[in-house]
PDB file of N, CA and C in Angstrom:
ATOM      1  N   MET A   1      55.180  97.035  86.883  1.00  0.00           N
ATOM      2  CA  MET A   1      55.532  98.538  86.196  1.00  0.00           C
ATOM      3  C   MET A   1      54.973  99.556  86.868  1.00  0.00           C
ATOM      4  N   ILE A   2      55.142 100.623  86.980  1.00  0.00           N
ATOM      5  CA  ILE A   2      54.536 101.700  87.306  1.00  0.00           C
ATOM      6  C   ILE A   2      53.877 102.407  86.428  1.00  0.00           C
ATOM      7  N   ASP A   3      52.577 102.979  86.612  1.00  0.00           N
ATOM      8  CA  ASP A   3      51.684 103.578  85.968  1.00  0.00           C
ATOM      9  C   ASP A   3      52.236 104.591  85.012  1.00  0.00           C
ATOM     10  N   GLN A   4      52.767 105.705  85.808  1.00  0.00           N
ATOM     11  CA  GLN A   4      53.202 106.740  84.931  1.00  0.00           C
ATOM     12  C   GLN A   4      54.585 107.532  85.447  1.00  0.00           C
ATOM     13  N   HIS A   5      55.482 107.679  84.485  1.00  0.00           N
ATOM     14  CA  HIS A   5      56.656 108.248  85.045  1.00  0.00           C
ATOM     15  C   HIS A   5      57.300 108.943  83.681  1.00  0.00           C
ATOM     16  N   TYR A   6      58.399 109.539  83.952  1.00  0.00           N
ATOM     17  CA  TYR A   6      58.840 110.554  82.716  1.00  0.00           C
ATOM     18  C   TYR A   6      60.041 110.122  82.201  1.00  0.00           C
ATOM     19  N   GLY A   7      60.189 108.858  81.983  1.00  0.00           N
ATOM     20  CA  GLY A   7      61.558 108.418  81.542  1.00  0.00           C
ATOM     21  C   GLY A   7      62.451 107.836  82.497  1.00  0.00           C
ATOM     22  N   THR A   8      63.605 107.617  82.447  1.00  0.00           N
ATOM     23  CA  THR A   8      64.622 107.083  83.113  1.00  0.00           C
ATOM     24  C   THR A   8      65.930 107.880  83.003  1.00  0.00           C
ATOM     25  N   GLN A   9      66.885 107.761  83.915  1.00  0.00           N
ATOM     26  CA  GLN A   9      68.064 108.267  83.922  1.00  0.00           C
ATOM     27  C   GLN A   9      69.164 107.504  84.743  1.00  0.00           C
ATOM     28  N   THR A  10      70.233 107.228  83.982  1.00  0.00           N
ATOM     29  CA  THR A  10      71.318 106.490  84.667  1.00  0.00           C
ATOM     30  C   THR A  10      71.853 107.446  85.782  1.00  0.00           C
ATOM     31  N   VAL A  11      72.393 106.907  86.749  1.00  0.00           N
ATOM     32  CA  VAL A  11      72.655 107.937  88.074  1.00  0.00           C
ATOM     33  C   VAL A  11      74.021 106.970  88.706  1.00  0.00           C
ATOM     34  N   ASN A  12      74.798 107.563  89.472  1.00  0.00           N
ATOM     35  CA  ASN A  12      75.606 106.843  90.511  1.00  0.00           C
ATOM     36  C   ASN A  12      74.955 106.196  91.617  1.00  0.00           C
ATOM     37  N   ARG A  13      75.320 105.018  91.914  1.00  0.00           N
ATOM     38  CA  ARG A  13      74.587 104.223  92.716  1.00  0.00           C
ATOM     39  C   ARG A  13      74.567 104.999  94.056  1.00  0.00           C
ATOM     40  N   GLY A  14      75.506 105.773  94.500  1.00  0.00           N
ATOM     41  CA  GLY A  14      75.621 106.780  95.804  1.00  0.00           C
ATOM     42  C   GLY A  14      74.487 107.739  95.852  1.00  0.00           C
ATOM     43  N   ALA A  15      73.930 108.129  94.704  1.00  0.00           N
ATOM     44  CA  ALA A  15      72.988 109.200  94.594  1.00  0.00           C
ATOM     45  C   ALA A  15      71.511 108.675  94.680  1.00  0.00           C
ATOM     46  N   VAL A  16      71.396 107.288  94.816  1.00  0.00           N
ATOM     47  CA  VAL A  16      70.020 106.709  95.202  1.00  0.00           C
ATOM     48  C   VAL A  16      69.911 106.763  96.553  1.00  0.00           C
ATOM     49  N   MET A  17      68.358 107.301  96.642  1.00  0.00           N
ATOM     50  CA  MET A  17      67.784 107.319  98.096  1.00  0.00           C
ATOM     51  C   MET A  17      66.964 106.159  98.321  1.00  0.00           C
ATOM     52  N   PRO A  18      66.616 105.837  99.778  1.00  0.00           N
ATOM     53  CA  PRO A  18      65.703 104.867  99.844  1.00  0.00           C
ATOM     54  C   PRO A  18      64.374 105.402  99.463  1.00  0.00           C
ATOM     55  N   GLY A  19      63.711 104.454  98.980  1.00  0.00           N
ATOM     56  CA  GLY A  19      62.358 104.995  98.314  1.00  0.00           C
ATOM     57  C   GLY A  19      62.320 105.067  96.816  1.00  0.00           C
ATOM     58  N   MET A  20      63.330 105.225  96.289  1.00  0.00           N
ATOM     59  CA  MET A  20      63.458 105.765  94.707  1.00  0.00           C
ATOM     60  C   MET A  20      63.164 104.300  94.015  1.00  0.00           C
ATOM     61  N   LEU A  21      62.337 104.505  93.004  1.00  0.00           N
ATOM     62  CA  LEU A  21      62.384 103.648  91.984  1.00  0.00           C
ATOM     63  C   LEU A  21      63.479 103.266  90.998  1.00  0.00           C
ATOM     64  N   VAL A  22      63.751 101.893  91.059  1.00  0.00           N
ATOM     65  CA  VAL A  22      65.059 101.630  90.318  1.00  0.00           C
ATOM     66  C   VAL A  22      64.636 100.707  89.198  1.00  0.00           C
ATOM     67  N   ARG A  23      65.244 100.725  88.055  1.00  0.00           N
ATOM     68  CA  ARG A  23      65.294  99.551  87.050  1.00  0.00           C
ATOM     69  C   ARG A  23      66.244  98.608  87.104  1.00  0.00           C
ATOM     70  N   HIS A  24      66.044  97.382  87.453  1.00  0.00           N
ATOM     71  CA  HIS A  24      67.131  96.515  87.666  1.00  0.00           C
ATOM     72  C   HIS A  24      66.584  95.244  87.171  1.00  0.00           C
ATOM     73  N   LYS A  25      67.540  94.770  86.057  1.00  0.00           N
ATOM     74  CA  LYS A  25      67.167  93.205  85.497  1.00  0.00           C
ATOM     75  C   LYS A  25      65.694  93.572  84.843  1.00  0.00           C
ATOM     76  N   ASP A  26      65.415  94.493  83.938  1.00  0.00           N
ATOM     77  CA  ASP A  26      64.175  94.620  83.492  1.00  0.00           C
ATOM     78  C   ASP A  26      62.963  94.620  84.362  1.00  0.00           C
ATOM     79  N   ALA A  27      63.196  95.075  85.582  1.00  0.00           N
ATOM     80  CA  ALA A  27      61.919  95.034  86.453  1.00  0.00           C
ATOM     81  C   ALA A  27      62.010  96.113  87.480  1.00  0.00           C
ATOM     82  N   THR A  28      61.126  96.737  88.093  1.00  0.00           N
ATOM     83  CA  THR A  28      61.083  97.880  88.613  1.00  0.00           C
ATOM     84  C   THR A  28      61.050  97.286  90.106  1.00  0.00           C
ATOM     85  N   TRP A  29      62.202  97.847  90.847  1.00  0.00           N
ATOM     86  CA  TRP A  29      62.506  97.754  92.428  1.00  0.00           C
ATOM     87  C   TRP A  29      62.525  99.030  93.041  1.00  0.00           C
ATOM     88  N   THR A  30      62.258  98.915  94.360  1.00  0.00           N
ATOM     89  CA  THR A  30      62.377  99.929  95.605  1.00  0.00           C
ATOM     90  C   THR A  30      63.715  99.966  95.995  1.00  0.00           C
ATOM     91  N   ALA A  31      64.580 100.998  95.970  1.00  0.00           N
ATOM     92  CA  ALA A  31      65.669 100.969  96.776  1.00  0.00           C
ATOM     93  C   ALA A  31      65.344 100.908  98.249  1.00  0.00           C
ATOM     94  N   SER A  32      66.157 100.270  99.080  1.00  0.00           N
ATOM     95  CA  SER A  32      65.774 100.611 100.573  1.00  0.00           C
ATOM     96  C   SER A  32      66.990 100.671 101.402  1.00  0.00           C
ATOM     97  N   ALA A  33      68.179 100.453 100.910  1.00  0.00           N
ATOM     98  CA  ALA A  33      69.458 101.044 101.744  1.00  0.00           C
ATOM     99  C   ALA A  33      70.615 100.987 100.501  1.00  0.00           C
ATOM    100  N   ASN A  34      71.624 101.857 101.044  1.00  0.00           N
ATOM    101  CA  ASN A  34      72.742 102.003 100.225  1.00  0.00           C
ATOM    102  C   ASN A  34      73.926 101.992 101.246  1.00  0.00           C
ATOM    103  N   SER A  35      74.580 100.872 101.336  1.00  0.00           N
ATOM    104  CA  SER A  35      75.524 100.902 102.207  1.00  0.00           C
ATOM    105  C   SER A  35      76.800  99.635 101.883  1.00  0.00           C
ATOM    106  N   ARG A  36      77.797  99.834 102.419  1.00  0.00           N
ATOM    107  CA  ARG A  36      78.800  98.923 102.041  1.00  0.00           C
ATOM    108  C   ARG A  36      79.229  98.536 100.676  1.00  0.00           C
ATOM    109  N   GLY A  37      78.939  99.455  99.969  1.00  0.00           N
ATOM    110  CA  GLY A  37      78.853  99.444  98.542  1.00  0.00           C
ATOM    111  C   GLY A  37      78.015  98.687  97.749  1.00  0.00           C
ATOM    112  N   ARG A  38      77.068  98.540  98.464  1.00  0.00           N
ATOM    113  CA  ARG A  38      75.996  97.836  97.664  1.00  0.00           C
ATOM    114  C   ARG A  38      74.551  98.643  97.811  1.00  0.00           C
ATOM    115  N   LEU A  39      73.695  98.646  96.868  1.00  0.00           N
ATOM    116  CA  LEU A  39      72.342  99.265  96.614  1.00  0.00           C
ATOM    117  C   LEU A  39      71.398  98.034  97.129  1.00  0.00           C
ATOM    118  N   TYR A  40      70.674  97.924  98.019  1.00  0.00           N
ATOM    119  CA  TYR A  40      69.662  97.260  98.298  1.00  0.00           C
ATOM    120  C   TYR A  40      68.453  97.381  97.735  1.00  0.00           C
ATOM    121  N   LEU A  41      67.681  96.381  97.184  1.00  0.00           N
ATOM    122  CA  LEU A  41      66.568  96.608  96.365  1.00  0.00           C
ATOM    123  C   LEU A  41      65.345  95.590  96.912  1.00  0.00           C
ATOM    124  N   HIS A  42      64.337  96.148  96.886  1.00  0.00           N
ATOM    125  CA  HIS A  42      63.200  95.132  97.013  1.00  0.00           C
ATOM    126  C   HIS A  42      62.072  95.252  96.420  1.00  0.00           C
ATOM    127  N   ARG A  43      61.088  94.390  96.272  1.00  0.00           N
ATOM    128  CA  ARG A  43      60.021  93.984  95.341  1.00  0.00           C
ATOM    129  C   ARG A  43      58.918  92.994  95.728  1.00  0.00           C
ATOM    130  N   GLY A  44      58.006  93.453  96.503  1.00  0.00           N
ATOM    131  CA  GLY A  44      57.368  92.619  97.421  1.00  0.00           C
ATOM    132  C   GLY A  44      58.120  91.757  98.222  1.00  0.00           C
ATOM    133  N   ALA A  45      58.207  90.428  98.169  1.00  0.00           N
ATOM    134  CA  ALA A  45      58.874  89.436  99.152  1.00  0.00           C
ATOM    135  C   ALA A  45      60.356  89.430  98.784  1.00  0.00           C
ATOM    136  N   GLU A  46      60.612  89.629  97.447  1.00  0.00           N
ATOM    137  CA  GLU A  46      61.745  89.589  96.995  1.00  0.00           C
ATOM    138  C   GLU A  46      62.903  90.564  97.333  1.00  0.00           C
ATOM    139  N   ARG A  47      64.065  90.364  97.585  1.00  0.00           N
ATOM    140  CA  ARG A  47      65.132  90.980  97.972  1.00  0.00           C
ATOM    141  C   ARG A  47      66.460  90.928  97.227  1.00  0.00           C
ATOM    142  N   THR A  48      67.252  91.678  96.994  1.00  0.00           N
ATOM    143  CA  THR A  48      68.233  91.716  96.266  1.00  0.00           C
ATOM    144  C   THR A  48      69.246  92.682  96.432  1.00  0.00           C
ATOM    145  N   TYR A  49      70.313  92.821  95.972  1.00  0.00           N
ATOM    146  CA  TYR A  49      71.390  93.863  95.676  1.00  0.00           C
ATOM    147  C   TYR A  49      72.257  94.137  94.421  1.00  0.00           C
ATOM    148  N   THR A  50      72.722  95.216  94.250  1.00  0.00           N
ATOM    149  CA  THR A  50      73.643  95.308  93.315  1.00  0.00           C
ATOM    150  C   THR A  50      74.897  96.186  93.626  1.00  0.00           C
ATOM    151  N   ASN A  51      75.888  95.522  92.788  1.00  0.00           N
ATOM    152  CA  ASN A  51      77.093  96.489  93.110  1.00  0.00           C
ATOM    153  C   ASN A  51      77.504  97.404  91.891  1.00  0.00           C
ATOM    154  N   GLU A  52      76.669  97.191  91.116  1.00  0.00           N
ATOM    155  CA  GLU A  52      77.011  98.275  89.772  1.00  0.00           C
ATOM    156  C   GLU A  52      77.006  99.477  90.151  1.00  0.00           C
ATOM    157  N   LEU A  53      78.248 100.389  89.598  1.00  0.00           N
ATOM    158  CA  LEU A  53      78.314 101.734  89.794  1.00  0.00           C
ATOM    159  C   LEU A  53      77.006 102.546  89.273  1.00  0.00           C
ATOM    160  N   LEU A  54      76.645 102.375  88.101  1.00  0.00           N
ATOM    161  CA  LEU A  54      75.449 103.445  87.636  1.00  0.00           C
ATOM    162  C   LEU A  54      74.251 102.272  87.503  1.00  0.00           C
ATOM    163  N   VAL A  55      73.209 102.780  88.112  1.00  0.00           N
ATOM    164  CA  VAL A  55      71.722 102.483  88.174  1.00  0.00           C
ATOM    165  C   VAL A  55      70.985 103.079  87.297  1.00  0.00           C
ATOM    166  N   GLU A  56      69.737 102.823  87.027  1.00  0.00           N
ATOM    167  CA  GLU A  56      68.851 103.327  86.015  1.00  0.00           C
ATOM    168  C   GLU A  56      67.721 103.610  87.098  1.00  0.00           C
ATOM    169  N   VAL A  57      67.381 104.823  87.149  1.00  0.00           N
ATOM    170  CA  VAL A  57      65.981 105.297  88.157  1.00  0.00           C
ATOM    171  C   VAL A  57      64.941 106.085  87.241  1.00  0.00           C
ATOM    172  N   TYR A  58      63.797 106.072  87.659  1.00  0.00           N
ATOM    173  CA  TYR A  58      62.713 106.379  87.093  1.00  0.00           C
ATOM    174  C   TYR A  58      62.577 107.905  87.605  1.00  0.00           C
ATOM    175  N   LEU A  59      62.133 108.759  86.565  1.00  0.00           N
ATOM    176  CA  LEU A  59      61.952 110.198  86.985  1.00  0.00           C
ATOM    177  C   LEU A  59      60.591 110.733  87.018  1.00  0.00           C
ATOM    178  N   ASN A  60      60.201 111.544  87.844  1.00  0.00           N
ATOM    179  CA  ASN A  60      58.737 112.210  87.945  1.00  0.00           C
ATOM    180  C   ASN A  60      58.884 113.219  87.065  1.00  0.00           C
ATOM    181  N   GLY A  61      57.712 113.940  87.092  1.00  0.00           N
ATOM    182  CA  GLY A  61      57.377 115.266  86.204  1.00  0.00           C
ATOM    183  C   GLY A  61      58.579 116.410  86.420  1.00  0.00           C
ATOM    184  N   MET A  62      58.992 116.522  87.409  1.00  0.00           N
ATOM    185  CA  MET A  62      60.032 117.554  87.694  1.00  0.00           C
ATOM    186  C   MET A  62      61.497 117.222  87.513  1.00  0.00           C
ATOM    187  N   GLY A  63      61.807 115.848  86.963  1.00  0.00           N
ATOM    188  CA  GLY A  63      63.077 115.536  86.455  1.00  0.00           C
ATOM    189  C   GLY A  63      63.612 114.776  87.651  1.00  0.00           C
ATOM    190  N   ASN A  64      63.230 114.659  88.959  1.00  0.00           N
ATOM    191  CA  ASN A  64      63.964 114.003  89.713  1.00  0.00           C
ATOM    192  C   ASN A  64      63.668 112.488  90.046  1.00  0.00           C
ATOM    193  N   GLY A  65      64.133 112.088  90.853  1.00  0.00           N
ATOM    194  CA  GLY A  65      63.805 110.411  91.058  1.00  0.00           C
ATOM    195  C   GLY A  65      62.588 110.067  91.485  1.00  0.00           C
ATOM    196  N   LEU A  66      61.787 109.122  90.934  1.00  0.00           N
ATOM    197  CA  LEU A  66      60.507 108.930  91.367  1.00  0.00           C
ATOM    198  C   LEU A  66      60.575 108.092  92.580  1.00  0.00           C
ATOM    199  N   SER A  67      59.785 108.563  93.762  1.00  0.00           N
ATOM    200  CA  SER A  67      59.661 107.699  94.935  1.00  0.00           C
ATOM    201  C   SER A  67      58.481 106.899  94.978  1.00  0.00           C
ATOM    202  N   HIS A  68      58.618 106.012  95.748  1.00  0.00           N
ATOM    203  CA  HIS A  68      57.152 104.895  96.060  1.00  0.00           C
ATOM    204  C   HIS A  68      56.666 105.673  97.175  1.00  0.00           C
TER     205      HIS A  68
END
């Protein structure tokens, strides 16, 4: 889990940029790429992707997506 964030927001998968922190399967993941209808995520040595249209991103103090 990350130390400090200002909530989460559900956004379209296409709006997620590389480096943004995403909540997926009750864990925090870093978005790495968004191509071919998939959002690729990584966390340490683990890698996965999601086809879900809406994903939950963590917000910073300005209300924008939190980047790692």
